[in-house]
Amino acid sequence: MDYVYLLVSLSVVLLAGAIWGILWAVKSDQFEDLEGPAERIILDDRELRRKINER
């Protein structure tokens, strides 16, 4: 029975940590621009190919 108390308390602590992490990410605008970096990589690659082909 002691293991049940230990596991329940650890689960509550991990859940609280996960909720805190998600709230921190939302408040610090981690989810604002999900498509920007991915599109920047593609656009940079296209611009590099254009520069190479112009030479």
PDB file of N, CA and C in Angstrom:
ATOM      1  N   MET A   1       0.818  -1.196   0.000  1.00  0.00           N
ATOM      2  CA  MET A   1       0.000   0.000   0.000  1.00  0.00           C
ATOM      3  C   MET A   1       0.864   1.263   0.000  1.00  0.00           C
ATOM      4  N   ASP A   2       2.066   1.133   0.560  1.00  0.00           N
ATOM      5  CA  ASP A   2       2.965   2.285   0.579  1.00  0.00           C
ATOM      6  C   ASP A   2       3.347   2.710  -0.832  1.00  0.00           C
ATOM      7  N   TYR A   3       3.468   1.730  -1.732  1.00  0.00           N
ATOM      8  CA  TYR A   3       3.827   2.049  -3.119  1.00  0.00           C
ATOM      9  C   TYR A   3       2.731   2.857  -3.807  1.00  0.00           C
ATOM     10  N   VAL A   4       1.505   2.587  -3.467  1.00  0.00           N
ATOM     11  CA  VAL A   4       0.391   3.319  -4.073  1.00  0.00           C
ATOM     12  C   VAL A   4       0.465   4.791  -3.695  1.00  0.00           C
ATOM     13  N   TYR A   5       0.726   5.075  -2.439  1.00  0.00           N
ATOM     14  CA  TYR A   5       0.854   6.462  -1.991  1.00  0.00           C
ATOM     15  C   TYR A   5       2.029   7.143  -2.689  1.00  0.00           C
ATOM     16  N   LEU A   6       3.130   6.429  -2.839  1.00  0.00           N
ATOM     17  CA  LEU A   6       4.297   6.985  -3.509  1.00  0.00           C
ATOM     18  C   LEU A   6       3.984   7.277  -4.980  1.00  0.00           C
ATOM     19  N   LEU A   7       3.363   6.338  -5.669  1.00  0.00           N
ATOM     20  CA  LEU A   7       3.065   6.514  -7.079  1.00  0.00           C
ATOM     21  C   LEU A   7       2.034   7.618  -7.320  1.00  0.00           C
ATOM     22  N   VAL A   8       1.046   7.705  -6.461  1.00  0.00           N
ATOM     23  CA  VAL A   8       0.037   8.757  -6.616  1.00  0.00           C
ATOM     24  C   VAL A   8       0.670  10.131  -6.395  1.00  0.00           C
ATOM     25  N   SER A   9       1.514  10.239  -5.379  1.00  0.00           N
ATOM     26  CA  SER A   9       2.148  11.538  -5.119  1.00  0.00           C
ATOM     27  C   SER A   9       3.114  11.906  -6.248  1.00  0.00           C
ATOM     28  N   LEU A  10       3.859  10.941  -6.772  1.00  0.00           N
ATOM     29  CA  LEU A  10       4.737  11.228  -7.904  1.00  0.00           C
ATOM     30  C   LEU A  10       3.935  11.629  -9.137  1.00  0.00           C
ATOM     31  N   SER A  11       2.798  10.994  -9.342  1.00  0.00           N
ATOM     32  CA  SER A  11       1.954  11.344 -10.487  1.00  0.00           C
ATOM     33  C   SER A  11       1.428  12.764 -10.373  1.00  0.00           C
ATOM     34  N   VAL A  12       1.044  13.154  -9.191  1.00  0.00           N
ATOM     35  CA  VAL A  12       0.545  14.512  -8.979  1.00  0.00           C
ATOM     36  C   VAL A  12       1.650  15.534  -9.211  1.00  0.00           C
ATOM     37  N   VAL A  13       2.850  15.232  -8.754  1.00  0.00           N
ATOM     38  CA  VAL A  13       3.982  16.142  -8.946  1.00  0.00           C
ATOM     39  C   VAL A  13       4.318  16.258 -10.431  1.00  0.00           C
ATOM     40  N   LEU A  14       4.347  15.138 -11.149  1.00  0.00           N
ATOM     41  CA  LEU A  14       4.637  15.182 -12.582  1.00  0.00           C
ATOM     42  C   LEU A  14       3.550  15.910 -13.357  1.00  0.00           C
ATOM     43  N   LEU A  15       2.307  15.717 -12.982  1.00  0.00           N
ATOM     44  CA  LEU A  15       1.208  16.421 -13.638  1.00  0.00           C
ATOM     45  C   LEU A  15       1.318  17.924 -13.404  1.00  0.00           C
ATOM     46  N   ALA A  16       1.629  18.313 -12.186  1.00  0.00           N
ATOM     47  CA  ALA A  16       1.788  19.740 -11.879  1.00  0.00           C
ATOM     48  C   ALA A  16       2.956  20.324 -12.674  1.00  0.00           C
ATOM     49  N   GLY A  17       4.047  19.573 -12.811  1.00  0.00           N
ATOM     50  CA  GLY A  17       5.187  20.038 -13.596  1.00  0.00           C
ATOM     51  C   GLY A  17       4.838  20.196 -15.070  1.00  0.00           C
ATOM     52  N   ALA A  18       4.064  19.256 -15.612  1.00  0.00           N
ATOM     53  CA  ALA A  18       3.660  19.338 -17.012  1.00  0.00           C
ATOM     54  C   ALA A  18       2.733  20.530 -17.250  1.00  0.00           C
ATOM     55  N   ILE A  19       1.803  20.745 -16.355  1.00  0.00           N
ATOM     56  CA  ILE A  19       0.896  21.892 -16.485  1.00  0.00           C
ATOM     57  C   ILE A  19       1.674  23.201 -16.386  1.00  0.00           C
ATOM     58  N   TRP A  20       2.608  23.266 -15.453  1.00  0.00           N
ATOM     59  CA  TRP A  20       3.435  24.472 -15.321  1.00  0.00           C
ATOM     60  C   TRP A  20       4.228  24.711 -16.591  1.00  0.00           C
ATOM     61  N   GLY A  21       4.815  23.652 -17.162  1.00  0.00           N
ATOM     62  CA  GLY A  21       5.608  23.795 -18.383  1.00  0.00           C
ATOM     63  C   GLY A  21       4.775  24.282 -19.551  1.00  0.00           C
ATOM     64  N   ILE A  22       3.581  23.755 -19.693  1.00  0.00           N
ATOM     65  CA  ILE A  22       2.708  24.189 -20.783  1.00  0.00           C
ATOM     66  C   ILE A  22       2.287  25.645 -20.594  1.00  0.00           C
ATOM     67  N   LEU A  23       1.915  26.006 -19.385  1.00  0.00           N
ATOM     68  CA  LEU A  23       1.528  27.389 -19.126  1.00  0.00           C
ATOM     69  C   LEU A  23       2.689  28.350 -19.348  1.00  0.00           C
ATOM     70  N   TRP A  24       3.896  27.959 -18.964  1.00  0.00           N
ATOM     71  CA  TRP A  24       5.068  28.793 -19.185  1.00  0.00           C
ATOM     72  C   TRP A  24       5.299  28.983 -20.683  1.00  0.00           C
ATOM     73  N   ALA A  25       5.169  27.902 -21.455  1.00  0.00           N
ATOM     74  CA  ALA A  25       5.394  27.995 -22.901  1.00  0.00           C
ATOM     75  C   ALA A  25       4.361  28.905 -23.557  1.00  0.00           C
ATOM     76  N   VAL A  26       3.121  28.821 -23.115  1.00  0.00           N
ATOM     77  CA  VAL A  26       2.077  29.663 -23.693  1.00  0.00           C
ATOM     78  C   VAL A  26       2.306  31.126 -23.319  1.00  0.00           C
ATOM     79  N   LYS A  27       2.660  31.389 -22.076  1.00  0.00           N
ATOM     80  CA  LYS A  27       2.867  32.772 -21.639  1.00  0.00           C
ATOM     81  C   LYS A  27       4.101  33.404 -22.270  1.00  0.00           C
ATOM     82  N   SER A  28       5.115  32.598 -22.594  1.00  0.00           N
ATOM     83  CA  SER A  28       6.331  33.156 -23.176  1.00  0.00           C
ATOM     84  C   SER A  28       6.309  33.106 -24.703  1.00  0.00           C
ATOM     85  N   ASP A  29       5.111  32.923 -25.274  1.00  0.00           N
ATOM     86  CA  ASP A  29       4.885  32.982 -26.726  1.00  0.00           C
ATOM     87  C   ASP A  29       5.698  31.953 -27.509  1.00  0.00           C
ATOM     88  N   GLN A  30       5.856  30.758 -26.978  1.00  0.00           N
ATOM     89  CA  GLN A  30       6.561  29.702 -27.680  1.00  0.00           C
ATOM     90  C   GLN A  30       5.749  29.149 -28.847  1.00  0.00           C
ATOM     91  N   PHE A  31       4.430  29.320 -28.814  1.00  0.00           N
ATOM     92  CA  PHE A  31       3.563  28.766 -29.843  1.00  0.00           C
ATOM     93  C   PHE A  31       3.029  29.834 -30.794  1.00  0.00           C
ATOM     94  N   GLU A  32       3.637  30.998 -30.842  1.00  0.00           N
ATOM     95  CA  GLU A  32       3.127  32.095 -31.663  1.00  0.00           C
ATOM     96  C   GLU A  32       3.270  31.815 -33.150  1.00  0.00           C
ATOM     97  N   ASP A  33       4.463  31.489 -33.588  1.00  0.00           N
ATOM     98  CA  ASP A  33       4.718  31.331 -35.018  1.00  0.00           C
ATOM     99  C   ASP A  33       5.282  29.939 -35.273  1.00  0.00           C
ATOM    100  N   LEU A  34       4.400  28.995 -35.544  1.00  0.00           N
ATOM    101  CA  LEU A  34       4.845  27.626 -35.770  1.00  0.00           C
ATOM    102  C   LEU A  34       5.276  27.383 -37.204  1.00  0.00           C
ATOM    103  N   GLU A  35       4.799  28.181 -38.139  1.00  0.00           N
ATOM    104  CA  GLU A  35       5.108  27.952 -39.544  1.00  0.00           C
ATOM    105  C   GLU A  35       6.272  28.802 -40.039  1.00  0.00           C
ATOM    106  N   GLY A  36       6.579  29.871 -39.367  1.00  0.00           N
ATOM    107  CA  GLY A  36       7.619  30.786 -39.828  1.00  0.00           C
ATOM    108  C   GLY A  36       8.989  30.154 -40.015  1.00  0.00           C
ATOM    109  N   PRO A  37       9.550  29.495 -38.998  1.00  0.00           N
ATOM    110  CA  PRO A  37      10.881  28.911 -39.171  1.00  0.00           C
ATOM    111  C   PRO A  37      10.928  27.843 -40.265  1.00  0.00           C
ATOM    112  N   ALA A  38       9.891  27.044 -40.377  1.00  0.00           N
ATOM    113  CA  ALA A  38       9.878  26.007 -41.411  1.00  0.00           C
ATOM    114  C   ALA A  38       9.844  26.636 -42.801  1.00  0.00           C
ATOM    115  N   GLU A  39       9.073  27.684 -42.975  1.00  0.00           N
ATOM    116  CA  GLU A  39       9.011  28.349 -44.278  1.00  0.00           C
ATOM    117  C   GLU A  39      10.303  29.092 -44.581  1.00  0.00           C
ATOM    118  N   ARG A  40      10.945  29.609 -43.546  1.00  0.00           N
ATOM    119  CA  ARG A  40      12.198  30.322 -43.754  1.00  0.00           C
ATOM    120  C   ARG A  40      13.274  29.391 -44.304  1.00  0.00           C
ATOM    121  N   ILE A  41      13.297  28.155 -43.833  1.00  0.00           N
ATOM    122  CA  ILE A  41      14.284  27.195 -44.320  1.00  0.00           C
ATOM    123  C   ILE A  41      14.061  26.939 -45.804  1.00  0.00           C
ATOM    124  N   ILE A  42      12.815  26.738 -46.187  1.00  0.00           N
ATOM    125  CA  ILE A  42      12.499  26.472 -47.596  1.00  0.00           C
ATOM    126  C   ILE A  42      12.819  27.687 -48.456  1.00  0.00           C
ATOM    127  N   LEU A  43      12.445  28.866 -48.001  1.00  0.00           N
ATOM    128  CA  LEU A  43      12.707  30.075 -48.777  1.00  0.00           C
ATOM    129  C   LEU A  43      14.195  30.345 -48.893  1.00  0.00           C
ATOM    130  N   ASP A  44      14.957  30.114 -47.832  1.00  0.00           N
ATOM    131  CA  ASP A  44      16.398  30.301 -47.899  1.00  0.00           C
ATOM    132  C   ASP A  44      17.011  29.352 -48.917  1.00  0.00           C
ATOM    133  N   ASP A  45      16.497  28.129 -48.973  1.00  0.00           N
ATOM    134  CA  ASP A  45      17.012  27.147 -49.917  1.00  0.00           C
ATOM    135  C   ASP A  45      16.717  27.569 -51.350  1.00  0.00           C
ATOM    136  N   ARG A  46      15.533  28.090 -51.586  1.00  0.00           N
ATOM    137  CA  ARG A  46      15.188  28.561 -52.931  1.00  0.00           C
ATOM    138  C   ARG A  46      16.061  29.741 -53.347  1.00  0.00           C
ATOM    139  N   GLU A  47      16.293  30.663 -52.430  1.00  0.00           N
ATOM    140  CA  GLU A  47      17.132  31.816 -52.747  1.00  0.00           C
ATOM    141  C   GLU A  47      18.567  31.380 -53.043  1.00  0.00           C
ATOM    142  N   LEU A  48      19.063  30.401 -52.310  1.00  0.00           N
ATOM    143  CA  LEU A  48      20.413  29.902 -52.547  1.00  0.00           C
ATOM    144  C   LEU A  48      20.507  29.247 -53.916  1.00  0.00           C
ATOM    145  N   ARG A  49      19.487  28.475 -54.290  1.00  0.00           N
ATOM    146  CA  ARG A  49      19.499  27.848 -55.612  1.00  0.00           C
ATOM    147  C   ARG A  49      19.459  28.901 -56.723  1.00  0.00           C
ATOM    148  N   ARG A  50      18.678  29.950 -56.518  1.00  0.00           N
ATOM    149  CA  ARG A  50      18.622  31.016 -57.525  1.00  0.00           C
ATOM    150  C   ARG A  50      19.985  31.675 -57.703  1.00  0.00           C
ATOM    151  N   LYS A  51      20.661  31.939 -56.604  1.00  0.00           N
ATOM    152  CA  LYS A  51      21.971  32.571 -56.683  1.00  0.00           C
ATOM    153  C   LYS A  51      22.969  31.668 -57.395  1.00  0.00           C
ATOM    154  N   ILE A  52      22.907  30.376 -57.133  1.00  0.00           N
ATOM    155  CA  ILE A  52      23.822  29.442 -57.777  1.00  0.00           C
ATOM    156  C   ILE A  52      23.535  29.355 -59.269  1.00  0.00           C
ATOM    157  N   ASN A  53      22.259  29.325 -59.646  1.00  0.00           N
ATOM    158  CA  ASN A  53      21.892  29.206 -61.057  1.00  0.00           C
ATOM    159  C   ASN A  53      22.198  30.480 -61.836  1.00  0.00           C
ATOM    160  N   GLU A  54      22.250  31.630 -61.188  1.00  0.00           N
ATOM    161  CA  GLU A  54      22.527  32.884 -61.873  1.00  0.00           C
ATOM    162  C   GLU A  54      23.998  33.002 -62.260  1.00  0.00           C
ATOM    163  N   ARG A  55      24.853  32.286 -61.584  1.00  0.00           N
ATOM    164  CA  ARG A  55      26.300  32.392 -61.833  1.00  0.00           C
ATOM    165  C   ARG A  55      26.676  31.746 -63.082  1.00  0.00           C
TER     166      ARG A  55
END
